[in-house]
Amino acid sequence: MTHTEIAEMQRIFTSRLDTLAHILDVAEKQLTDMDAALQERLAPDMFPLGTQIAFACNQPLGFAQWCQGLPIQNLNPDVPSLALARAHIRDTKAMLADIQVDDSQLDKIKRTGLGPGMYCETSGRFYVSDYLIPNFYFHIATTYAILRKLGVPLGKADFMAFLLPHVQREA
């Protein structure tokens, strides 16, 4: 059995967590009080920046926990400091690096809680492609959008920073 698909998910999650860290680095250079910025929202009915970071980390963290046969335990959504946000990213990357399972894990049925009294049961592949990945990008994009709203000079190149190792210039 191969580890091809699992390894690809590890790579995707890790590289995008690096992008999330990069976005925070840019913001830290521009904003005078990042801890206060973590309480900012894109809209009144949306979660604040700190929670968006925790929720972004919850997606690959849940993947790592599921692959390792552990109960999925989400991070506390209250992220009052940049230090804690960075720790969440670092610790999530460490959990991803520790995954030691073959691709047959993706054929297993995964029960996913969707809120009080609601859940769905899907294959692991569906869980990853149709639940984790869209949620992961949603929370990273929302983090980006909140920081843009706060005046942080982020561009698409920052959001797509994971492509930099592959960028070439024509002669």
Protein backbone atom coordinates (compact mmCIF):
# COMPACT_ATOMS: atom_id res chain seq x y z
CA MET A 1 0.00 0.00 0.00
CA THR A 2 1.20 3.48 -0.78
CA HIS A 3 1.32 6.69 1.16
CA THR A 4 0.91 8.83 -1.95
CA GLU A 5 -2.46 10.48 -1.21
CA ILE A 6 -1.81 10.89 2.51
CA ALA A 7 1.60 12.41 1.77
CA GLU A 8 0.00 14.79 -0.72
CA MET A 9 -2.49 15.95 1.91
CA GLN A 10 0.36 16.44 4.38
CA ARG A 11 2.17 18.55 1.77
CA ILE A 12 -0.87 20.64 0.91
CA PHE A 13 -1.85 21.30 4.52
CA THR A 14 1.73 22.06 5.58
CA SER A 15 2.47 24.43 2.70
CA ARG A 16 -0.80 26.32 3.23
CA LEU A 17 -0.13 26.57 6.97
CA ASP A 18 3.21 28.13 5.96
CA THR A 19 1.19 30.58 3.85
CA LEU A 20 -1.01 31.36 6.85
CA ALA A 21 2.13 32.03 8.92
CA HIS A 22 3.45 34.26 6.13
CA ILE A 23 0.23 36.27 6.06
CA LEU A 24 0.56 36.78 9.83
CA ASP A 25 4.21 37.85 9.38
CA VAL A 26 3.17 40.54 6.90
CA ALA A 27 0.39 41.69 9.24
CA GLU A 28 2.72 41.83 12.24
CA LYS A 29 5.00 44.24 10.36
CA GLN A 30 2.07 46.54 9.53
CA LEU A 31 -0.20 46.49 12.58
CA THR A 32 0.84 47.97 15.88
CA ASP A 33 -1.30 45.65 18.02
CA MET A 34 -1.71 42.20 16.53
CA ASP A 35 -3.37 40.87 19.68
CA ALA A 36 -6.12 43.47 19.28
CA ALA A 37 -6.35 42.65 15.56
CA LEU A 38 -7.16 39.05 16.48
CA GLN A 39 -10.54 40.29 17.72
CA GLU A 40 -11.44 41.94 14.40
CA ARG A 41 -14.21 40.50 12.22
CA LEU A 42 -14.99 40.70 8.54
CA ALA A 43 -18.70 41.07 9.37
CA PRO A 44 -20.54 41.29 12.70
CA ASP A 45 -21.95 37.77 12.41
CA MET A 46 -18.59 36.18 11.55
CA PHE A 47 -15.95 34.84 13.90
CA PRO A 48 -12.95 37.06 14.71
CA LEU A 49 -9.51 36.72 13.15
CA GLY A 50 -8.10 34.61 15.99
CA THR A 51 -10.93 32.11 15.66
CA GLN A 52 -10.43 31.97 11.88
CA ILE A 53 -6.83 30.92 12.50
CA ALA A 54 -7.88 28.25 15.01
CA PHE A 55 -10.54 26.96 12.61
CA ALA A 56 -8.02 26.89 9.73
CA CYS A 57 -5.72 24.77 11.91
CA ASN A 58 -8.60 22.51 12.98
CA GLN A 59 -8.93 21.13 9.45
CA PRO A 60 -5.43 19.61 9.09
CA LEU A 61 -5.37 18.86 12.82
CA GLY A 62 -8.58 16.86 12.46
CA PHE A 63 -7.08 15.06 9.47
CA ALA A 64 -3.95 14.15 11.44
CA GLN A 65 -5.96 12.99 14.46
CA TRP A 66 -8.28 10.90 12.27
CA CYS A 67 -5.34 9.31 10.42
CA GLN A 68 -3.75 8.41 13.74
CA GLY A 69 -6.98 6.92 15.09
CA LEU A 70 -7.33 9.63 17.72
CA PRO A 71 -10.56 11.38 18.67
CA ILE A 72 -10.83 14.69 16.88
CA GLN A 73 -10.33 17.50 19.34
CA ASN A 74 -10.67 21.00 17.95
CA LEU A 75 -8.61 23.90 19.19
CA ASN A 76 -10.14 26.42 21.55
CA PRO A 77 -11.60 29.08 19.23
CA ASP A 78 -10.50 31.87 21.58
CA VAL A 79 -7.09 32.97 20.29
CA PRO A 80 -6.19 36.13 22.23
CA SER A 81 -2.54 36.42 21.19
CA LEU A 82 -0.34 36.18 18.13
CA ALA A 83 1.93 33.85 20.11
CA LEU A 84 -0.95 31.39 20.55
CA ALA A 85 -1.94 31.67 16.86
CA ARG A 86 1.64 30.85 15.86
CA ALA A 87 1.74 27.95 18.35
CA HIS A 88 -1.43 26.52 16.79
CA ILE A 89 0.16 26.63 13.34
CA ARG A 90 3.44 25.12 14.59
CA ASP A 91 1.73 22.36 16.59
CA THR A 92 -0.61 21.50 13.71
CA LYS A 93 2.35 21.15 11.35
CA ALA A 94 4.03 18.84 13.87
CA MET A 95 0.91 16.64 14.07
CA LEU A 96 0.83 16.45 10.27
CA ALA A 97 4.48 15.43 10.13
CA ASP A 98 3.78 12.53 12.52
CA ILE A 99 1.16 10.84 10.33
CA GLN A 100 2.22 7.25 9.66
CA VAL A 101 -0.66 5.60 7.81
CA ASP A 102 -1.19 4.25 4.31
CA ASP A 103 -3.73 5.43 1.78
CA SER A 104 -6.25 2.73 2.73
CA GLN A 105 -7.27 5.10 5.56
CA LEU A 106 -9.00 7.18 2.89
CA ASP A 107 -11.32 4.27 2.05
CA LYS A 108 -12.70 4.13 5.58
CA ILE A 109 -16.01 5.71 6.51
CA LYS A 110 -15.69 8.94 8.47
CA ARG A 111 -18.46 10.35 10.64
CA THR A 112 -18.29 14.14 10.69
CA GLY A 113 -20.21 16.24 13.18
CA LEU A 114 -21.94 19.23 11.59
CA GLY A 115 -23.40 20.93 14.63
CA PRO A 116 -25.97 20.01 17.26
CA GLY A 117 -27.71 16.81 16.23
CA MET A 118 -26.29 16.77 12.69
CA TYR A 119 -23.61 14.66 11.06
CA CYS A 120 -22.68 12.97 7.81
CA GLU A 121 -20.92 9.71 7.07
CA THR A 122 -18.65 9.69 4.04
CA SER A 123 -15.55 8.00 2.75
CA GLY A 124 -12.26 9.42 3.94
CA ARG A 125 -11.58 10.78 0.47
CA PHE A 126 -14.88 12.68 0.49
CA TYR A 127 -14.15 13.91 4.04
CA VAL A 128 -10.84 15.34 2.86
CA SER A 129 -11.86 16.73 -0.53
CA ASP A 130 -15.38 17.98 0.21
CA TYR A 131 -15.20 18.91 3.90
CA LEU A 132 -11.66 19.58 5.12
CA ILE A 133 -10.13 21.31 2.10
CA PRO A 134 -13.01 23.76 1.46
CA ASN A 135 -13.19 24.65 5.17
CA PHE A 136 -9.40 25.03 5.34
CA TYR A 137 -9.30 27.47 2.42
CA PHE A 138 -12.38 29.34 3.66
CA HIS A 139 -10.72 30.13 7.00
CA ILE A 140 -7.38 31.07 5.43
CA ALA A 141 -9.16 33.31 2.90
CA THR A 142 -11.20 34.90 5.69
CA THR A 143 -8.01 35.53 7.66
CA TYR A 144 -6.56 37.20 4.56
CA ALA A 145 -9.73 39.27 4.06
CA ILE A 146 -9.84 40.50 7.66
CA LEU A 147 -6.21 41.58 7.45
CA ARG A 148 -6.86 43.35 4.13
CA LYS A 149 -9.81 45.11 5.78
CA LEU A 150 -7.36 46.30 8.46
CA GLY A 151 -5.12 47.77 5.78
CA VAL A 152 -2.43 45.09 5.66
CA PRO A 153 -0.84 45.23 2.19
CA LEU A 154 -1.42 41.63 1.19
CA GLY A 155 -1.82 40.52 -2.38
CA LYS A 156 -2.60 37.35 -4.24
CA ALA A 157 1.12 36.51 -4.27
CA ASP A 158 0.97 36.34 -0.44
CA PHE A 159 -2.06 34.05 -0.55
CA MET A 160 -0.40 31.86 -3.18
CA ALA A 161 3.07 31.97 -1.58
CA PHE A 162 3.28 28.16 -1.72
CA LEU A 163 3.87 28.48 -5.48
CA LEU A 164 7.10 30.48 -5.08
CA PRO A 165 9.43 27.45 -5.25
CA HIS A 166 7.92 26.62 -8.65
CA VAL A 167 7.96 30.10 -10.22
CA GLN A 168 10.27 30.54 -13.20
CA ARG A 169 11.11 33.48 -15.45
CA GLU A 170 11.33 33.18 -19.19
CA ALA A 171 14.72 34.05 -20.65
